């Protein structure tokens, strides 16, 4: 399904908070330039997401990864 409205910063904050609350993210931080830095696990590399569209893509990839059986996950 394709979006018909652009992603917003509030939407990204909500999704990242939900993923964090359910244990699917270790942590995330807001950067001074409006970007988000996210860590999937305590040992994973940080991803910096500079735009809401990039952040929503990251959320979508995370959700798709969670739907795969554990034996097929890459992260």
Protein backbone atom coordinates (compact mmCIF):
# COMPACT_ATOMS: atom_id res chain seq x y z
CA UNK A 1 0.00 0.00 0.00
CA UNK A 2 1.29 3.43 -0.84
CA UNK A 3 1.04 6.48 1.43
CA UNK A 4 -1.01 9.43 0.29
CA UNK A 5 0.30 11.87 2.91
CA UNK A 6 3.90 12.68 3.87
CA UNK A 7 5.34 11.28 7.08
CA UNK A 8 5.45 13.72 9.99
CA UNK A 9 7.89 14.07 12.88
CA UNK A 10 5.08 13.36 15.34
CA UNK A 11 4.25 10.12 13.51
CA UNK A 12 7.90 9.04 13.63
CA UNK A 13 8.12 9.83 17.36
CA UNK A 14 4.99 7.76 17.96
CA UNK A 15 6.25 4.75 15.99
CA UNK A 16 9.69 4.83 17.62
CA UNK A 17 8.10 5.10 21.07
CA UNK A 18 5.86 2.10 20.32
CA UNK A 19 8.81 0.02 19.07
CA UNK A 20 10.80 1.01 22.15
CA UNK A 21 7.91 0.22 24.48
CA UNK A 22 7.50 -3.25 22.99
CA UNK A 23 11.21 -4.00 23.25
CA UNK A 24 11.96 -3.87 19.52
CA UNK A 25 14.37 -0.94 19.89
CA UNK A 26 17.05 -0.54 22.53
CA UNK A 27 16.85 3.25 22.41
CA UNK A 28 16.47 6.31 20.23
CA UNK A 29 17.51 9.93 20.57
CA UNK A 30 16.55 13.19 18.93
CA UNK A 31 19.43 15.03 17.34
CA UNK A 32 19.92 18.81 17.36
CA UNK A 33 19.17 18.96 13.63
CA UNK A 34 15.80 17.19 13.95
CA UNK A 35 17.19 13.76 13.05
CA UNK A 36 16.70 10.56 15.05
CA UNK A 37 19.45 8.17 16.05
CA UNK A 38 18.23 4.64 16.75
CA UNK A 39 19.82 1.51 18.20
CA UNK A 40 18.04 -1.77 17.57
CA UNK A 41 20.01 -3.66 20.25
CA UNK A 42 22.58 -2.82 22.90
CA UNK A 43 25.38 -3.96 20.58
CA UNK A 44 24.06 -2.77 17.21
CA UNK A 45 25.43 0.16 15.27
CA UNK A 46 23.47 3.39 15.48
CA UNK A 47 21.39 4.50 12.50
CA UNK A 48 20.84 8.22 11.98
CA UNK A 49 17.60 9.05 10.21
CA UNK A 50 17.68 12.60 8.85
CA UNK A 51 14.15 12.86 7.46
CA UNK A 52 10.71 11.57 8.50
CA UNK A 53 10.43 9.51 5.30
CA UNK A 54 13.71 7.73 6.08
CA UNK A 55 12.55 7.12 9.64
CA UNK A 56 9.22 5.64 8.52
CA UNK A 57 11.12 3.40 6.08
CA UNK A 58 13.26 2.22 9.00
CA UNK A 59 10.12 1.52 11.06
CA UNK A 60 8.56 -0.41 8.15
CA UNK A 61 11.71 -2.53 7.69
CA UNK A 62 11.78 -3.23 11.42
CA UNK A 63 8.14 -4.31 11.43
CA UNK A 64 8.68 -6.56 8.40
CA UNK A 65 11.71 -8.09 10.07
CA UNK A 66 9.64 -8.82 13.19
CA UNK A 67 7.04 -10.66 11.10
CA UNK A 68 9.66 -13.11 9.77
CA UNK A 69 10.39 -16.25 11.73
CA UNK A 70 13.41 -15.83 14.01
CA UNK A 71 15.44 -18.26 11.90
CA UNK A 72 15.08 -15.97 8.86
CA UNK A 73 15.89 -12.62 10.53
CA UNK A 74 19.10 -10.90 9.55
CA UNK A 75 19.43 -8.57 12.54
